Amino acid sequence: FKTIPFLLLIIIVTSLQSCSQYGYEANLEVTVKGLLSGNPRSGLLVQVFYSREDASQLFDPVTPVLETNEWGEVFIYGLDPGINYYIRIDALLNTSIKRSGQLRSGANNRTVRIL
């Protein structure tokens, strides 16, 4: 019975190490720029999804629809670290779906160029 508290301690320490590896939350700054001009694109609609299929069908979004600011940026908070998300960007005549890359705990940046 003396080994049970020791085993519990090992389980707790292992759990805390895995939490610290990925942290508790990832934030994502998406910057949208024009493909040819490189200028920021304001007023575009951005939404995050778990899969490309979900993004193309607008099914089960992770975030509400956000609008890029005058610098072409949106800020998304409270995502799960260790996940590759799909970012859907809707312009007037064009929709783009891009991968976020695997997010780390804390701040993450992704620049997307669209037509």
Protein backbone atom coordinates (compact mmCIF):
# COMPACT_ATOMS: atom_id res chain seq x y z
CA PHE A 1 0.00 0.00 0.00
CA LYS A 2 3.00 2.30 0.36
CA THR A 3 3.51 2.25 -3.41
CA ILE A 4 0.04 3.65 -4.21
CA PRO A 5 0.85 7.25 -3.10
CA PHE A 6 4.15 7.01 -4.98
CA LEU A 7 2.39 5.86 -8.16
CA LEU A 8 -0.15 8.66 -7.81
CA LEU A 9 2.67 11.17 -7.47
CA ILE A 10 4.32 9.85 -10.65
CA ILE A 11 1.01 10.08 -12.55
CA ILE A 12 0.46 13.68 -11.39
CA VAL A 13 4.01 14.76 -12.28
CA THR A 14 3.74 13.12 -15.72
CA SER A 15 0.41 14.87 -16.34
CA LEU A 16 1.86 18.24 -15.37
CA GLN A 17 4.83 17.74 -17.69
CA SER A 18 2.57 17.00 -20.66
CA CYS A 19 0.49 20.09 -19.83
CA SER A 20 3.58 22.27 -19.68
CA GLN A 21 4.77 20.91 -23.03
CA TYR A 22 1.69 22.20 -24.80
CA GLY A 23 0.52 24.73 -22.23
CA TYR A 24 -3.07 25.56 -21.64
CA GLU A 25 -3.94 27.88 -24.47
CA ALA A 26 -2.75 29.03 -27.88
CA ASN A 27 -3.46 32.40 -29.45
CA LEU A 28 -3.31 32.99 -33.19
CA GLU A 29 -2.73 36.24 -35.04
CA VAL A 30 -3.70 35.92 -38.70
CA THR A 31 -2.53 38.62 -41.10
CA VAL A 32 -4.11 38.67 -44.56
CA LYS A 33 -2.26 40.37 -47.42
CA GLY A 34 -2.81 40.70 -51.14
CA LEU A 35 -0.93 38.14 -53.21
CA LEU A 36 0.37 40.62 -55.78
CA SER A 37 0.52 43.87 -53.83
CA GLY A 38 1.45 42.54 -50.38
CA ASN A 39 -0.88 45.17 -48.92
CA PRO A 40 -3.02 44.33 -45.87
CA ARG A 41 -6.59 43.29 -46.70
CA SER A 42 -9.15 44.80 -44.36
CA GLY A 43 -12.82 43.87 -44.02
CA LEU A 44 -12.37 40.18 -44.90
CA LEU A 45 -14.19 37.48 -42.96
CA VAL A 46 -12.06 34.90 -41.12
CA GLN A 47 -13.15 31.76 -39.33
CA VAL A 48 -11.25 28.77 -37.88
CA PHE A 49 -12.18 25.08 -38.28
CA TYR A 50 -10.75 21.69 -37.30
CA SER A 51 -10.73 20.26 -40.85
CA ARG A 52 -10.60 21.43 -44.46
CA GLU A 53 -13.96 19.74 -45.12
CA ASP A 54 -15.58 21.60 -42.23
CA ALA A 55 -14.11 24.88 -43.50
CA SER A 56 -15.34 24.34 -47.06
CA GLN A 57 -18.85 23.44 -45.83
CA LEU A 58 -18.95 26.02 -43.00
CA PHE A 59 -19.65 23.15 -40.58
CA ASP A 60 -18.82 23.15 -36.86
CA PRO A 61 -16.60 26.26 -36.62
CA VAL A 62 -14.13 26.63 -33.78
CA THR A 63 -14.51 30.42 -33.73
CA PRO A 64 -17.19 32.93 -34.67
CA VAL A 65 -16.71 34.92 -37.87
CA LEU A 66 -14.12 37.64 -37.34
CA GLU A 67 -13.32 40.61 -39.59
CA THR A 68 -9.80 41.72 -40.47
CA ASN A 69 -8.89 45.17 -39.19
CA GLU A 70 -7.25 47.97 -41.19
CA TRP A 71 -3.88 46.14 -40.96
CA GLY A 72 -5.42 42.90 -42.28
CA GLU A 73 -5.26 41.24 -38.86
CA VAL A 74 -7.55 39.15 -36.70
CA PHE A 75 -6.70 37.89 -33.22
CA ILE A 76 -8.01 34.52 -32.08
CA TYR A 77 -7.68 33.53 -28.43
CA GLY A 78 -8.19 30.32 -26.49
CA LEU A 79 -7.27 27.71 -29.10
CA ASP A 80 -5.83 24.32 -28.19
CA PRO A 81 -2.06 23.95 -28.60
CA GLY A 82 -0.72 21.05 -30.65
CA ILE A 83 -3.49 21.23 -33.27
CA ASN A 84 -3.35 22.16 -36.96
CA TYR A 85 -6.40 24.31 -37.63
CA TYR A 86 -7.85 25.41 -40.95
CA ILE A 87 -8.38 29.13 -41.52
CA ARG A 88 -11.16 30.13 -43.91
CA ILE A 89 -10.89 33.62 -45.42
CA ASP A 90 -13.82 35.00 -47.37
CA ALA A 91 -13.19 37.94 -49.69
CA LEU A 92 -15.81 39.45 -51.99
CA LEU A 93 -15.24 37.02 -54.89
CA ASN A 94 -12.82 34.50 -53.42
CA THR A 95 -12.59 31.99 -50.57
CA SER A 96 -9.27 30.65 -49.33
CA ILE A 97 -8.66 27.87 -46.83
CA LYS A 98 -5.17 27.68 -45.30
CA ARG A 99 -3.61 25.54 -42.57
CA SER A 100 -2.51 27.27 -39.40
CA GLY A 101 0.41 24.94 -38.78
CA GLN A 102 0.67 23.18 -35.43
CA LEU A 103 0.05 25.79 -32.75
CA ARG A 104 2.29 26.16 -29.73
CA SER A 105 1.22 27.38 -26.36
CA GLY A 106 1.12 31.20 -26.28
CA ALA A 107 1.33 33.50 -29.29
CA ASN A 108 1.36 32.16 -32.87
CA ASN A 109 1.44 34.16 -36.10
CA ARG A 110 0.29 33.20 -39.58
CA THR A 111 0.46 35.43 -42.66
CA VAL A 112 -1.83 34.47 -45.52
CA ARG A 113 -1.62 35.88 -49.05
CA ILE A 114 -4.77 35.82 -51.16
CA LEU A 115 -5.90 37.21 -54.50
